């Protein structure tokens, strides 16, 4: 996967731009569905997992902590540009 940019809506909200906070659910559900279909040994995220620190909410932290178990494999991050 590349450039998931989780927490993007929350980042925009922190800057006063009203956006719904449901974008991460669609991204994560798609990732989980794909992982369950393909049963990988490892998922590698290339680039920006989180859009910015402002979007890293407690809820998103909990989802990320549970992600390897939900994927059923290791999760590896290759850092991006922000």
N, C-alpha and C. Protein backbone atom coordinates (compact mmCIF):
# COMPACT_ATOMS: atom_id res chain seq x y z
N UNK A 1 0.85 -1.16 0.00
CA UNK A 1 0.00 0.00 0.00
C UNK A 1 0.90 1.23 0.00
N UNK A 2 0.34 2.32 -0.49
CA UNK A 2 1.13 3.55 -0.51
C UNK A 2 0.27 4.75 -0.10
N UNK A 3 0.87 5.61 0.70
CA UNK A 3 0.27 6.91 1.04
C UNK A 3 -1.18 6.81 1.51
N UNK A 4 -1.41 6.11 2.61
CA UNK A 4 -2.77 5.97 3.12
C UNK A 4 -3.32 7.29 3.68
N UNK A 5 -2.46 8.14 4.22
CA UNK A 5 -2.85 9.46 4.74
C UNK A 5 -4.02 9.39 5.71
N UNK A 6 -3.95 8.48 6.67
CA UNK A 6 -4.98 8.37 7.69
C UNK A 6 -5.02 9.64 8.55
N UNK A 7 -6.19 10.02 9.00
CA UNK A 7 -6.35 11.20 9.83
C UNK A 7 -6.41 12.49 9.04
N UNK A 8 -6.57 12.40 7.74
CA UNK A 8 -6.58 13.60 6.90
C UNK A 8 -7.76 14.51 7.23
N UNK A 9 -8.94 13.95 7.40
CA UNK A 9 -10.11 14.78 7.70
C UNK A 9 -9.93 15.52 9.02
N UNK A 10 -9.39 14.83 10.02
CA UNK A 10 -9.18 15.45 11.33
C UNK A 10 -8.14 16.58 11.25
N UNK A 11 -7.16 16.41 10.39
CA UNK A 11 -6.17 17.47 10.17
C UNK A 11 -6.83 18.71 9.59
N UNK A 12 -7.67 18.51 8.58
CA UNK A 12 -8.38 19.64 7.98
C UNK A 12 -9.32 20.28 9.00
N UNK A 13 -9.99 19.46 9.81
CA UNK A 13 -10.91 19.99 10.83
C UNK A 13 -10.15 20.87 11.82
N UNK A 14 -8.94 20.46 12.18
CA UNK A 14 -8.13 21.24 13.11
C UNK A 14 -7.79 22.62 12.55
N UNK A 15 -7.85 22.74 11.23
CA UNK A 15 -7.59 24.02 10.57
C UNK A 15 -8.89 24.73 10.20
N UNK A 16 -10.02 24.26 10.75
CA UNK A 16 -11.30 24.93 10.54
C UNK A 16 -12.04 24.55 9.27
N UNK A 17 -11.59 23.53 8.58
CA UNK A 17 -12.25 23.09 7.35
C UNK A 17 -13.17 21.93 7.70
N UNK A 18 -14.49 22.09 7.55
CA UNK A 18 -15.42 21.03 7.95
C UNK A 18 -15.44 19.87 6.95
N UNK A 19 -15.00 18.74 7.41
CA UNK A 19 -15.06 17.50 6.62
C UNK A 19 -15.57 16.39 7.53
N UNK A 20 -16.28 15.41 6.98
CA UNK A 20 -16.71 14.27 7.80
C UNK A 20 -15.50 13.43 8.21
N UNK A 21 -15.61 12.79 9.36
CA UNK A 21 -14.51 11.99 9.91
C UNK A 21 -14.59 10.52 9.57
N UNK A 22 -15.18 10.16 8.46
CA UNK A 22 -15.38 8.74 8.16
C UNK A 22 -14.46 8.20 7.08
N UNK A 23 -13.54 9.00 6.57
CA UNK A 23 -12.67 8.57 5.49
C UNK A 23 -11.74 7.42 5.85
N UNK A 24 -11.25 7.40 7.08
CA UNK A 24 -10.33 6.34 7.49
C UNK A 24 -11.00 4.98 7.51
N UNK A 25 -12.28 4.95 7.84
CA UNK A 25 -12.99 3.67 7.88
C UNK A 25 -12.99 2.99 6.53
N UNK A 26 -13.27 3.73 5.48
CA UNK A 26 -13.28 3.15 4.14
C UNK A 26 -11.90 2.67 3.74
N UNK A 27 -10.87 3.45 4.08
CA UNK A 27 -9.50 3.07 3.74
C UNK A 27 -9.09 1.80 4.49
N UNK A 28 -9.33 1.79 5.79
CA UNK A 28 -8.94 0.63 6.60
C UNK A 28 -9.76 -0.61 6.26
N UNK A 29 -11.04 -0.45 6.03
CA UNK A 29 -11.87 -1.60 5.66
C UNK A 29 -11.43 -2.20 4.34
N UNK A 30 -11.07 -1.35 3.39
CA UNK A 30 -10.56 -1.85 2.11
C UNK A 30 -9.26 -2.60 2.27
N UNK A 31 -8.39 -2.08 3.13
CA UNK A 31 -7.11 -2.75 3.40
C UNK A 31 -7.35 -4.11 4.06
N UNK A 32 -8.25 -4.16 5.03
CA UNK A 32 -8.55 -5.42 5.71
C UNK A 32 -9.17 -6.44 4.75
N UNK A 33 -10.08 -5.98 3.92
CA UNK A 33 -10.71 -6.88 2.95
C UNK A 33 -9.67 -7.47 2.00
N UNK A 34 -8.78 -6.64 1.52
CA UNK A 34 -7.74 -7.10 0.61
C UNK A 34 -6.81 -8.10 1.31
N UNK A 35 -6.44 -7.80 2.55
CA UNK A 35 -5.56 -8.70 3.30
C UNK A 35 -6.23 -10.05 3.55
N UNK A 36 -7.52 -10.04 3.82
CA UNK A 36 -8.22 -11.30 4.06
C UNK A 36 -8.34 -12.12 2.77
N UNK A 37 -8.45 -11.46 1.65
CA UNK A 37 -8.50 -12.16 0.36
C UNK A 37 -7.14 -12.75 -0.01
N UNK A 38 -6.08 -11.97 0.18
CA UNK A 38 -4.75 -12.37 -0.29
C UNK A 38 -3.92 -13.11 0.76
N UNK A 39 -4.27 -12.96 2.03
CA UNK A 39 -3.55 -13.60 3.14
C UNK A 39 -2.03 -13.38 3.06
N UNK A 40 -1.58 -12.13 3.04
CA UNK A 40 -0.14 -11.87 2.93
C UNK A 40 0.59 -12.22 4.21
N UNK A 41 1.90 -12.43 4.10
CA UNK A 41 2.74 -12.63 5.28
C UNK A 41 3.10 -11.29 5.91
N UNK A 42 3.03 -10.24 5.10
CA UNK A 42 3.41 -8.91 5.57
C UNK A 42 2.71 -7.87 4.69
N UNK A 43 2.28 -6.78 5.29
CA UNK A 43 1.77 -5.63 4.54
C UNK A 43 2.78 -4.51 4.72
N UNK A 44 3.23 -3.96 3.61
CA UNK A 44 4.19 -2.86 3.63
C UNK A 44 3.46 -1.60 3.20
N UNK A 45 3.53 -0.57 4.02
CA UNK A 45 2.95 0.72 3.69
C UNK A 45 4.10 1.62 3.25
N UNK A 46 4.06 2.02 1.99
CA UNK A 46 5.08 2.91 1.44
C UNK A 46 4.58 4.34 1.56
N UNK A 47 5.31 5.15 2.24
CA UNK A 47 4.93 6.56 2.30
C UNK A 47 4.12 6.88 3.53
N UNK A 48 3.28 7.83 3.40
CA UNK A 48 2.64 8.48 4.53
C UNK A 48 1.44 7.70 5.08
N UNK A 49 1.66 7.02 6.19
CA UNK A 49 0.58 6.31 6.87
C UNK A 49 -0.38 7.31 7.49
N UNK A 50 0.16 8.33 8.15
CA UNK A 50 -0.63 9.36 8.82
C UNK A 50 -0.47 10.66 8.03
N UNK A 51 -1.57 11.38 7.84
CA UNK A 51 -1.49 12.64 7.09
C UNK A 51 -0.68 13.69 7.85
N UNK A 52 -0.96 13.84 9.14
CA UNK A 52 -0.16 14.74 9.98
C UNK A 52 -0.42 14.39 11.44
N UNK A 53 0.40 14.93 12.32
CA UNK A 53 0.22 14.66 13.75
C UNK A 53 -1.13 15.12 14.26
N UNK A 54 -1.68 16.16 13.66
CA UNK A 54 -2.99 16.66 14.09
C UNK A 54 -4.09 15.62 13.89
N UNK A 55 -3.91 14.74 12.92
CA UNK A 55 -4.92 13.72 12.64
C UNK A 55 -4.75 12.45 13.45
N UNK A 56 -3.69 12.36 14.23
CA UNK A 56 -3.42 11.15 15.00
C UNK A 56 -4.19 11.20 16.31
N UNK A 57 -5.48 10.92 16.22
CA UNK A 57 -6.37 10.95 17.38
C UNK A 57 -6.21 9.69 18.21
N UNK A 58 -6.78 9.69 19.38
CA UNK A 58 -6.77 8.48 20.22
C UNK A 58 -7.44 7.31 19.53
N UNK A 59 -8.53 7.60 18.84
CA UNK A 59 -9.24 6.54 18.11
C UNK A 59 -8.37 5.96 17.01
N UNK A 60 -7.67 6.82 16.27
CA UNK A 60 -6.80 6.33 15.21
C UNK A 60 -5.63 5.55 15.78
N UNK A 61 -5.08 6.00 16.90
CA UNK A 61 -4.00 5.26 17.56
C UNK A 61 -4.45 3.84 17.92
N UNK A 62 -5.66 3.71 18.43
CA UNK A 62 -6.18 2.40 18.81
C UNK A 62 -6.36 1.51 17.57
N UNK A 63 -6.87 2.10 16.49
CA UNK A 63 -7.04 1.33 15.26
C UNK A 63 -5.69 0.86 14.71
N UNK A 64 -4.69 1.72 14.75
CA UNK A 64 -3.37 1.35 14.26
C UNK A 64 -2.73 0.27 15.13
N UNK A 65 -2.94 0.35 16.44
CA UNK A 65 -2.39 -0.66 17.35
C UNK A 65 -3.00 -2.03 17.07
N UNK A 66 -4.26 -2.06 16.67
CA UNK A 66 -4.96 -3.33 16.41
C UNK A 66 -4.74 -3.84 14.99
N UNK A 67 -4.20 -3.00 14.13
CA UNK A 67 -4.13 -3.33 12.71
C UNK A 67 -3.36 -4.61 12.38
N UNK A 68 -2.17 -4.83 12.93
CA UNK A 68 -1.47 -6.09 12.59
C UNK A 68 -2.29 -7.35 12.92
N UNK A 69 -2.94 -7.32 14.07
CA UNK A 69 -3.76 -8.48 14.45
C UNK A 69 -4.95 -8.63 13.50
N UNK A 70 -5.58 -7.53 13.15
CA UNK A 70 -6.72 -7.58 12.23
C UNK A 70 -6.30 -8.03 10.84
N UNK A 71 -5.10 -7.60 10.42
CA UNK A 71 -4.59 -8.01 9.11
C UNK A 71 -4.18 -9.48 9.11
N UNK A 72 -3.77 -9.96 10.28
CA UNK A 72 -3.30 -11.34 10.39
C UNK A 72 -1.86 -11.49 9.91
N UNK A 73 -1.11 -10.39 9.93
CA UNK A 73 0.28 -10.44 9.47
C UNK A 73 1.03 -9.23 10.01
N UNK A 74 2.33 -9.20 9.74
CA UNK A 74 3.16 -8.06 10.14
C UNK A 74 2.79 -6.84 9.31
N UNK A 75 2.98 -5.68 9.90
CA UNK A 75 2.76 -4.41 9.22
C UNK A 75 4.07 -3.65 9.28
N UNK A 76 4.55 -3.25 8.12
CA UNK A 76 5.84 -2.54 8.03
C UNK A 76 5.62 -1.19 7.38
N UNK A 77 6.22 -0.15 7.95
CA UNK A 77 6.08 1.21 7.42
C UNK A 77 7.41 1.68 6.86
N UNK A 78 7.38 2.13 5.63
CA UNK A 78 8.52 2.81 5.02
C UNK A 78 8.16 4.28 5.02
N UNK A 79 8.89 5.08 5.77
CA UNK A 79 8.55 6.48 5.99
C UNK A 79 8.38 7.28 4.71
N UNK A 80 7.50 8.27 4.79
CA UNK A 80 7.22 9.13 3.64
C UNK A 80 7.78 10.52 3.85
N UNK A 81 7.20 11.47 3.13
CA UNK A 81 7.74 12.83 3.17
C UNK A 81 7.13 13.71 4.25
N UNK A 82 6.13 13.22 4.99
CA UNK A 82 5.61 13.97 6.14
C UNK A 82 4.81 13.07 7.06
